[in-house]
N, C-alpha and C. Protein backbone atom coordinates (compact mmCIF):
# COMPACT_ATOMS: atom_id res chain seq x y z
N MET A 1 -2.38 25.15 14.56
CA MET A 1 -3.25 25.12 13.75
C MET A 1 -3.51 24.14 12.88
N LYS A 2 -2.56 24.03 11.92
CA LYS A 2 -2.28 23.25 10.60
C LYS A 2 -2.48 21.60 11.26
N ARG A 3 -1.73 21.16 12.46
CA ARG A 3 -1.69 20.03 13.08
C ARG A 3 -3.17 19.35 13.14
N ILE A 4 -4.24 20.47 13.86
CA ILE A 4 -5.58 20.17 14.38
C ILE A 4 -5.93 20.00 13.06
N TYR A 5 -5.83 20.55 11.93
CA TYR A 5 -6.64 20.42 10.58
C TYR A 5 -6.04 18.82 10.02
N LEU A 6 -4.73 18.66 10.13
CA LEU A 6 -4.29 17.36 9.81
C LEU A 6 -4.97 16.40 10.43
N VAL A 7 -4.91 16.13 11.94
CA VAL A 7 -5.57 15.21 12.46
C VAL A 7 -7.14 15.01 12.45
N LEU A 8 -7.79 16.13 11.88
CA LEU A 8 -9.11 16.11 11.77
C LEU A 8 -9.32 15.38 10.33
N ILE A 9 -8.51 15.81 9.54
CA ILE A 9 -8.68 15.05 8.12
C ILE A 9 -8.30 13.47 7.94
N PHE A 10 -7.35 13.15 8.97
CA PHE A 10 -6.95 11.81 9.05
C PHE A 10 -8.24 10.96 9.72
N THR A 11 -8.59 11.59 10.84
CA THR A 11 -9.73 11.01 11.55
C THR A 11 -10.83 10.80 10.79
N PHE A 12 -11.33 11.82 9.88
CA PHE A 12 -12.38 11.56 8.83
C PHE A 12 -12.14 10.61 8.02
N MET A 13 -10.95 10.58 7.46
CA MET A 13 -10.36 9.61 6.49
C MET A 13 -10.62 8.07 6.97
N SER A 14 -10.03 8.15 8.08
CA SER A 14 -10.05 6.83 8.86
C SER A 14 -11.70 6.21 9.03
N LEU A 15 -12.68 7.10 9.57
CA LEU A 15 -13.74 6.97 9.57
C LEU A 15 -14.41 6.52 8.37
N VAL A 16 -14.18 7.12 7.24
CA VAL A 16 -14.71 6.70 6.17
C VAL A 16 -14.03 5.49 5.24
N ALA A 17 -13.00 5.28 5.69
CA ALA A 17 -12.06 4.12 5.13
C ALA A 17 -12.90 2.80 5.82
N CYS A 18 -13.26 2.99 6.98
CA CYS A 18 -13.86 1.90 8.08
C CYS A 18 -14.96 1.57 7.85
N ASN A 19 -15.70 2.51 7.16
CA ASN A 19 -17.02 2.56 6.84
C ASN A 19 -17.41 1.16 6.29
N ASN A 20 -16.88 1.02 5.26
CA ASN A 20 -16.99 0.04 4.18
C ASN A 20 -15.99 -1.12 4.00
N PRO A 21 -15.75 -1.74 4.82
CA PRO A 21 -14.57 -2.79 4.74
C PRO A 21 -14.47 -3.71 3.54
N GLU A 22 -15.65 -4.15 2.85
CA GLU A 22 -15.74 -4.95 1.66
C GLU A 22 -15.04 -4.17 0.67
N GLN A 23 -15.25 -2.80 0.34
CA GLN A 23 -14.95 -2.07 -0.61
C GLN A 23 -13.41 -1.80 -0.68
N SER A 24 -12.68 -1.63 0.67
CA SER A 24 -11.24 -1.46 0.94
C SER A 24 -10.46 -2.74 0.70
N THR A 25 -10.98 -3.88 0.65
CA THR A 25 -10.07 -5.14 0.32
C THR A 25 -10.00 -5.69 -0.76
N HIS A 26 -11.30 -5.50 -1.58
CA HIS A 26 -11.42 -6.41 -3.03
C HIS A 26 -12.28 -5.42 -3.83
N ASN A 27 -11.50 -5.32 -5.18
CA ASN A 27 -12.19 -4.63 -6.06
C ASN A 27 -13.06 -5.48 -6.83
N ASN A 28 -13.46 -5.38 -8.16
CA ASN A 28 -14.63 -6.32 -8.86
C ASN A 28 -14.08 -7.25 -9.03
N SER A 29 -12.60 -7.65 -8.97
CA SER A 29 -12.08 -9.03 -9.39
C SER A 29 -11.48 -9.37 -8.24
N THR A 30 -11.35 -10.75 -8.48
CA THR A 30 -10.83 -11.73 -7.02
C THR A 30 -9.15 -11.57 -7.37
N ASP A 31 -8.70 -11.26 -8.23
CA ASP A 31 -7.44 -11.19 -8.45
C ASP A 31 -6.77 -10.27 -8.00
N ILE A 32 -7.40 -9.13 -7.63
CA ILE A 32 -6.84 -7.65 -7.01
C ILE A 32 -7.13 -7.70 -5.45
N VAL A 33 -5.99 -7.58 -4.91
CA VAL A 33 -6.03 -7.39 -3.42
C VAL A 33 -5.41 -6.45 -2.98
N MET A 34 -6.20 -5.32 -2.14
CA MET A 34 -5.89 -4.19 -1.79
C MET A 34 -5.83 -4.47 -0.19
N LEU A 35 -4.53 -3.81 0.29
CA LEU A 35 -4.13 -3.87 1.63
C LEU A 35 -4.11 -2.55 2.17
N ASN A 36 -4.05 -2.23 3.33
CA ASN A 36 -3.90 -1.05 3.97
C ASN A 36 -3.82 -0.85 5.59
N SER A 37 -2.91 -0.18 6.11
CA SER A 37 -2.80 -0.25 7.67
C SER A 37 -3.75 0.02 8.50
N GLU A 38 -5.03 0.64 7.86
CA GLU A 38 -6.15 1.16 8.64
C GLU A 38 -7.04 -0.40 8.88
N THR A 39 -7.05 -1.05 8.02
CA THR A 39 -8.02 -2.30 8.45
C THR A 39 -7.35 -3.61 8.11
N SER A 40 -7.57 -4.58 8.87
CA SER A 40 -6.59 -5.67 8.76
C SER A 40 -7.61 -6.90 8.23
N THR A 41 -7.30 -7.58 7.41
CA THR A 41 -8.35 -8.65 6.78
C THR A 41 -7.92 -9.83 6.91
N ASN A 42 -8.40 -10.85 7.25
CA ASN A 42 -8.05 -12.44 7.25
C ASN A 42 -7.82 -13.18 5.79
N PHE A 43 -6.70 -13.28 5.37
CA PHE A 43 -6.57 -14.21 4.05
C PHE A 43 -6.08 -15.65 4.40
N GLU A 44 -6.12 -16.24 3.41
CA GLU A 44 -5.64 -17.64 3.26
C GLU A 44 -4.46 -18.00 4.11
N GLN A 45 -4.14 -18.89 4.99
CA GLN A 45 -2.81 -19.11 5.50
C GLN A 45 -1.92 -19.12 4.51
N ASN A 46 -0.67 -18.56 4.59
CA ASN A 46 0.62 -18.54 3.58
C ASN A 46 0.28 -18.05 2.30
N SER A 47 -0.49 -16.91 2.12
CA SER A 47 -0.87 -16.32 0.91
C SER A 47 -0.10 -15.19 0.66
N ILE A 48 0.31 -14.76 -0.39
CA ILE A 48 0.82 -13.38 -0.40
C ILE A 48 0.24 -11.87 0.29
N PRO A 49 -0.96 -12.06 0.14
CA PRO A 49 -1.37 -10.96 0.98
C PRO A 49 -1.44 -11.10 2.18
N ARG A 50 -1.68 -12.00 2.97
CA ARG A 50 -1.30 -12.21 4.37
C ARG A 50 0.25 -12.22 4.65
N ILE A 51 1.08 -12.58 4.03
CA ILE A 51 2.59 -12.39 4.44
C ILE A 51 2.94 -11.16 4.41
N ALA A 52 2.44 -10.26 3.32
CA ALA A 52 2.82 -9.00 2.96
C ALA A 52 2.34 -7.98 4.15
N GLN A 53 0.92 -8.43 4.38
CA GLN A 53 0.16 -7.67 5.41
C GLN A 53 0.74 -7.91 6.68
N SER A 54 0.96 -8.97 7.06
CA SER A 54 1.61 -9.15 8.35
C SER A 54 3.01 -8.54 8.65
N TYR A 55 3.84 -8.59 7.64
CA TYR A 55 5.23 -8.01 7.53
C TYR A 55 4.69 -6.16 7.50
N LEU A 56 4.20 -5.93 6.79
CA LEU A 56 3.75 -4.43 6.83
C LEU A 56 3.20 -3.58 8.13
N ASP A 57 2.52 -4.81 8.75
CA ASP A 57 1.88 -4.29 10.03
C ASP A 57 2.83 -4.39 11.11
N ASP A 58 3.98 -5.03 11.13
CA ASP A 58 5.04 -5.29 12.04
C ASP A 58 5.63 -3.95 12.27
N GLN A 59 5.74 -3.30 13.54
CA GLN A 59 6.06 -1.97 13.90
C GLN A 59 7.44 -1.63 13.82
N SER A 60 8.37 -2.94 13.79
CA SER A 60 9.96 -2.59 13.91
C SER A 60 10.31 -2.16 12.41
N ASN A 61 9.76 -2.24 11.37
CA ASN A 61 10.16 -1.88 10.02
C ASN A 61 10.22 -0.53 9.39
N GLY A 62 9.77 0.57 10.52
CA GLY A 62 9.92 1.71 10.22
C GLY A 62 8.85 2.58 9.35
N ILE A 63 7.64 1.45 9.24
CA ILE A 63 6.46 2.18 8.39
C ILE A 63 5.33 2.28 9.59
N SER A 64 4.70 3.51 9.28
CA SER A 64 3.71 3.74 10.06
C SER A 64 2.15 3.56 9.32
N THR A 65 2.27 4.07 8.13
CA THR A 65 0.95 3.66 7.52
C THR A 65 1.47 3.21 6.06
N TYR A 66 0.57 2.22 5.47
CA TYR A 66 0.74 1.93 3.89
C TYR A 66 -0.55 1.53 3.17
N LYS A 67 -0.39 1.47 2.04
CA LYS A 67 -1.42 0.91 1.15
C LYS A 67 -0.41 -0.10 0.00
N ALA A 68 -1.18 -0.66 -0.07
CA ALA A 68 -0.68 -2.01 -1.05
C ALA A 68 -1.69 -2.82 -1.96
N ILE A 69 -1.29 -2.99 -3.09
CA ILE A 69 -2.07 -3.64 -4.03
C ILE A 69 -1.10 -4.98 -4.69
N HIS A 70 -1.72 -6.16 -4.59
CA HIS A 70 -1.36 -7.27 -5.32
C HIS A 70 -2.24 -7.60 -6.37
N VAL A 71 -1.61 -7.63 -7.57
CA VAL A 71 -2.23 -7.93 -8.80
C VAL A 71 -1.49 -8.53 -9.89
N ASN A 72 -1.66 -9.79 -10.43
CA ASN A 72 -0.99 -10.56 -11.53
C ASN A 72 0.53 -10.66 -11.12
N ASP A 73 0.64 -11.22 -10.02
CA ASP A 73 1.92 -11.62 -9.49
C ASP A 73 2.89 -10.57 -9.29
N GLN A 74 2.23 -9.19 -8.88
CA GLN A 74 3.23 -7.97 -8.72
C GLN A 74 2.42 -7.43 -7.47
N LEU A 75 3.32 -6.62 -6.74
CA LEU A 75 3.09 -6.20 -5.31
C LEU A 75 3.63 -4.73 -5.45
N PHE A 76 2.67 -3.93 -5.33
CA PHE A 76 3.02 -2.54 -5.37
C PHE A 76 2.40 -1.82 -3.90
N VAL A 77 3.60 -1.09 -3.29
CA VAL A 77 3.54 -0.98 -1.78
C VAL A 77 3.91 0.75 -1.91
N ALA A 78 3.28 1.41 -0.98
CA ALA A 78 3.55 2.85 -0.72
C ALA A 78 3.26 3.02 0.59
N PHE A 79 4.04 3.66 1.20
CA PHE A 79 4.33 3.88 2.76
C PHE A 79 4.55 5.27 3.13
N ASN A 80 4.38 5.71 4.42
CA ASN A 80 4.52 6.59 5.14
C ASN A 80 5.34 6.21 6.29
N ALA A 81 6.91 6.68 6.27
CA ALA A 81 7.69 6.21 7.33
C ALA A 81 7.26 6.68 8.85
N THR A 82 7.69 6.29 9.75
CA THR A 82 7.77 6.76 11.06
C THR A 82 8.50 7.86 11.22
N PRO A 83 8.20 8.69 12.35
CA PRO A 83 8.99 9.87 12.34
C PRO A 83 10.42 9.94 12.56
N LEU A 84 10.81 8.78 13.13
CA LEU A 84 12.46 8.29 13.39
C LEU A 84 13.10 7.89 12.01
N LYS A 85 12.21 7.54 11.20
CA LYS A 85 12.89 6.86 9.90
C LYS A 85 12.80 7.78 8.91
N GLN A 86 11.87 8.89 9.00
CA GLN A 86 11.63 10.02 7.74
C GLN A 86 12.83 10.34 7.03
N ALA A 87 14.06 10.66 7.79
CA ALA A 87 15.25 10.92 7.13
C ALA A 87 15.86 9.95 6.24
N THR A 88 15.60 8.57 6.64
CA THR A 88 16.23 7.44 5.72
C THR A 88 15.16 6.67 5.04
N GLU A 89 14.28 7.26 4.43
CA GLU A 89 13.10 6.69 3.65
C GLU A 89 13.77 5.63 2.47
N GLN A 90 14.77 6.28 1.75
CA GLN A 90 15.32 5.30 0.97
C GLN A 90 16.07 3.91 1.36
N LYS A 91 16.48 4.11 2.48
CA LYS A 91 17.15 2.72 3.14
C LYS A 91 15.87 2.05 3.55
N VAL A 92 14.81 2.39 3.97
CA VAL A 92 13.67 1.84 4.36
C VAL A 92 13.06 1.09 3.41
N GLU A 93 12.82 1.88 2.13
CA GLU A 93 12.64 1.31 0.98
C GLU A 93 13.23 0.23 0.67
N LYS A 94 14.31 0.03 0.55
CA LYS A 94 15.30 -0.97 0.01
C LYS A 94 15.23 -2.27 0.80
N LYS A 95 14.95 -1.77 2.33
CA LYS A 95 14.94 -3.03 3.12
C LYS A 95 13.58 -3.65 3.09
N VAL A 96 12.73 -2.68 2.77
CA VAL A 96 11.25 -3.46 2.70
C VAL A 96 11.00 -4.21 1.64
N LYS A 97 11.61 -3.95 0.54
CA LYS A 97 11.66 -4.42 -0.98
C LYS A 97 12.12 -6.04 -0.92
N LYS A 98 13.35 -5.69 -0.37
CA LYS A 98 14.39 -7.20 0.05
C LYS A 98 13.66 -7.77 0.74
N ASP A 99 13.10 -7.69 2.01
CA ASP A 99 12.61 -8.62 2.79
C ASP A 99 11.11 -9.08 2.20
N LEU A 100 10.41 -8.35 1.61
CA LEU A 100 9.22 -8.52 0.75
C LEU A 100 9.33 -9.85 -0.40
N LYS A 101 10.82 -9.33 -1.00
CA LYS A 101 10.91 -10.47 -1.90
C LYS A 101 11.35 -11.75 -1.10
N GLU A 102 12.04 -11.72 -0.39
CA GLU A 102 12.57 -13.07 0.55
C GLU A 102 11.07 -13.70 1.32
N LEU A 103 10.08 -13.06 1.62
CA LEU A 103 9.13 -13.48 2.31
C LEU A 103 8.03 -14.27 1.21
N THR A 104 7.45 -13.26 0.12
CA THR A 104 6.61 -13.63 -0.71
C THR A 104 7.04 -14.42 -1.98
N GLN A 105 8.51 -14.16 -2.04
CA GLN A 105 9.12 -14.97 -3.36
C GLN A 105 8.37 -14.42 -4.72
N ILE A 106 7.89 -13.30 -4.64
CA ILE A 106 7.74 -12.31 -5.88
C ILE A 106 8.84 -11.48 -6.31
N ASN A 107 9.03 -11.48 -7.71
CA ASN A 107 10.21 -10.72 -8.12
C ASN A 107 10.06 -9.22 -8.52
N ASN A 108 8.61 -9.14 -8.77
CA ASN A 108 8.08 -8.00 -9.26
C ASN A 108 7.53 -7.16 -8.14
N ILE A 109 8.34 -6.58 -7.30
CA ILE A 109 7.71 -5.66 -6.46
C ILE A 109 8.13 -4.30 -6.33
N HIS A 110 7.46 -3.52 -6.18
CA HIS A 110 7.70 -2.01 -6.25
C HIS A 110 7.14 -1.19 -4.97
N VAL A 111 8.11 -0.66 -4.31
CA VAL A 111 8.01 -0.25 -2.95
C VAL A 111 8.44 1.47 -3.01
N THR A 112 7.75 1.94 -2.56
CA THR A 112 7.90 3.66 -2.58
C THR A 112 7.38 4.30 -1.32
N SER A 113 8.08 5.34 -0.96
CA SER A 113 7.62 6.23 0.12
C SER A 113 7.10 7.54 -0.46
N ASP A 114 6.71 7.91 -1.73
CA ASP A 114 6.42 8.64 -2.56
C ASP A 114 4.94 9.20 -2.00
N GLN A 115 4.48 10.32 -1.76
CA GLN A 115 3.09 10.60 -1.18
C GLN A 115 2.36 10.51 -2.37
N LYS A 116 2.49 10.98 -3.62
CA LYS A 116 1.62 10.81 -4.78
C LYS A 116 1.23 9.45 -5.30
N PHE A 117 2.21 8.61 -5.11
CA PHE A 117 1.91 7.05 -5.25
C PHE A 117 0.96 6.65 -4.32
N PHE A 118 1.23 6.61 -2.96
CA PHE A 118 0.35 6.72 -1.91
C PHE A 118 -1.24 7.02 -2.29
N PHE A 119 -1.28 8.35 -2.56
CA PHE A 119 -2.44 9.12 -2.81
C PHE A 119 -3.24 8.39 -3.95
N GLU A 120 -2.41 7.97 -4.98
CA GLU A 120 -3.09 7.24 -6.21
C GLU A 120 -3.57 5.82 -5.71
N LEU A 121 -2.89 5.25 -4.94
CA LEU A 121 -3.33 4.01 -4.33
C LEU A 121 -4.40 4.21 -3.56
N THR A 122 -4.82 5.11 -2.97
CA THR A 122 -5.79 5.32 -2.37
C THR A 122 -7.13 5.69 -2.98
N LYS A 123 -6.77 6.43 -4.06
CA LYS A 123 -7.82 6.68 -5.16
C LYS A 123 -8.42 5.20 -5.86
N LEU A 124 -7.39 4.32 -6.22
CA LEU A 124 -7.68 3.08 -6.66
C LEU A 124 -8.44 2.26 -6.02
N GLU A 125 -8.11 2.33 -4.68
CA GLU A 125 -9.00 1.86 -3.41
C GLU A 125 -10.48 1.85 -3.60
N ASN A 126 -10.55 3.20 -3.70
CA ASN A 126 -11.97 3.73 -3.38
C ASN A 126 -12.57 3.61 -4.78
N GLU A 127 -12.12 3.49 -5.92
CA GLU A 127 -12.80 3.39 -7.18
C GLU A 127 -13.17 1.90 -7.43
N GLU A 128 -14.26 1.83 -8.30
CA GLU A 128 -14.87 0.27 -8.79
C GLU A 128 -14.20 0.14 -10.33
N LEU A 129 -13.24 -0.31 -10.26
CA LEU A 129 -12.36 -0.46 -11.67
C LEU A 129 -12.32 -1.76 -12.09
N THR A 130 -12.28 -2.11 -13.20
CA THR A 130 -12.00 -3.65 -13.95
C THR A 130 -10.43 -3.96 -13.66
N LYS A 131 -10.21 -5.15 -13.68
CA LYS A 131 -8.71 -5.59 -13.26
C LYS A 131 -7.68 -4.94 -14.59
N GLU A 132 -8.12 -4.91 -15.69
CA GLU A 132 -7.47 -4.42 -16.75
C GLU A 132 -7.12 -2.75 -16.55
N GLU A 133 -8.50 -2.19 -16.07
CA GLU A 133 -7.94 -0.65 -15.70
C GLU A 133 -7.19 -0.41 -14.54
N VAL A 134 -7.20 -1.38 -13.57
CA VAL A 134 -6.20 -1.07 -12.50
C VAL A 134 -4.94 -1.58 -12.96
N VAL A 135 -4.65 -2.44 -13.83
CA VAL A 135 -3.26 -2.79 -14.20
C VAL A 135 -2.79 -1.67 -15.16
N LYS A 136 -3.75 -1.25 -16.16
CA LYS A 136 -3.42 0.05 -16.90
C LYS A 136 -2.80 1.45 -16.05
N ARG A 137 -3.29 1.64 -14.89
CA ARG A 137 -3.40 2.81 -14.27
C ARG A 137 -2.12 2.27 -13.35
N LEU A 138 -1.70 1.07 -12.77
CA LEU A 138 -0.46 0.88 -11.92
C LEU A 138 0.65 0.96 -12.82
N LYS A 139 0.48 0.61 -14.38
CA LYS A 139 1.82 0.65 -15.19
C LYS A 139 2.09 1.96 -15.45
N LYS A 140 1.15 2.94 -15.53
CA LYS A 140 1.23 4.27 -15.82
C LYS A 140 2.05 4.86 -14.51
N LEU A 141 1.35 4.42 -13.36
CA LEU A 141 2.12 4.99 -11.94
C LEU A 141 3.65 4.74 -11.69
N LYS A 142 3.69 3.32 -12.57
CA LYS A 142 5.04 2.91 -12.31
C LYS A 142 6.19 3.72 -13.17
N LYS A 143 5.55 3.92 -14.42
CA LYS A 143 6.59 4.58 -15.56
C LYS A 143 6.67 6.00 -14.93
N LEU A 144 5.74 6.52 -14.32
CA LEU A 144 5.98 7.95 -13.74
C LEU A 144 7.09 7.94 -12.59
N SER A 145 7.04 7.02 -11.75
CA SER A 145 8.03 7.05 -10.52
C SER A 145 9.27 6.86 -11.19
N LYS A 146 9.59 5.79 -12.26
CA LYS A 146 10.70 5.70 -12.78
C LYS A 146 11.23 6.93 -13.32
N GLU A 147 10.43 7.81 -13.84
CA GLU A 147 11.03 8.97 -14.61
C GLU A 147 11.37 10.08 -13.77
N GLN A 148 10.82 9.92 -12.23
CA GLN A 148 11.07 11.15 -11.31
C GLN A 148 12.66 10.86 -10.86
N THR A 149 12.69 10.02 -11.09
CA THR A 149 14.01 9.31 -9.92
C THR A 149 15.15 9.40 -10.82
């Protein structure tokens, strides 16, 4: 019974997220780029969001769904691992972080499989915030994730 409710909730969330693709890709500022596994957006060739999105969409890296935000030369990624990779989520985190550093040449990348971080990125995606507010909330999330480990 719980599975049915989960399927219904995820279906509803997918429909709501697909309803307004402009809102899910960009916030008020053009310096903030939101990525997620439900929608694919075309970015400039060889841009950091395009490279990150193509890597995260690749099914061979153990990621089933993800949310990511690129702001101020920082990349934050929260993901859910595939069922076969859930036991080794920390290994997947390290691999994804290493691969994204090599592909994007960004040194400040934060990758996590923490569900709280995933849901907070979902909230950020749905809210209309200024760049400063987004940076402030991301800094707070980063600090909280470091304290818990």
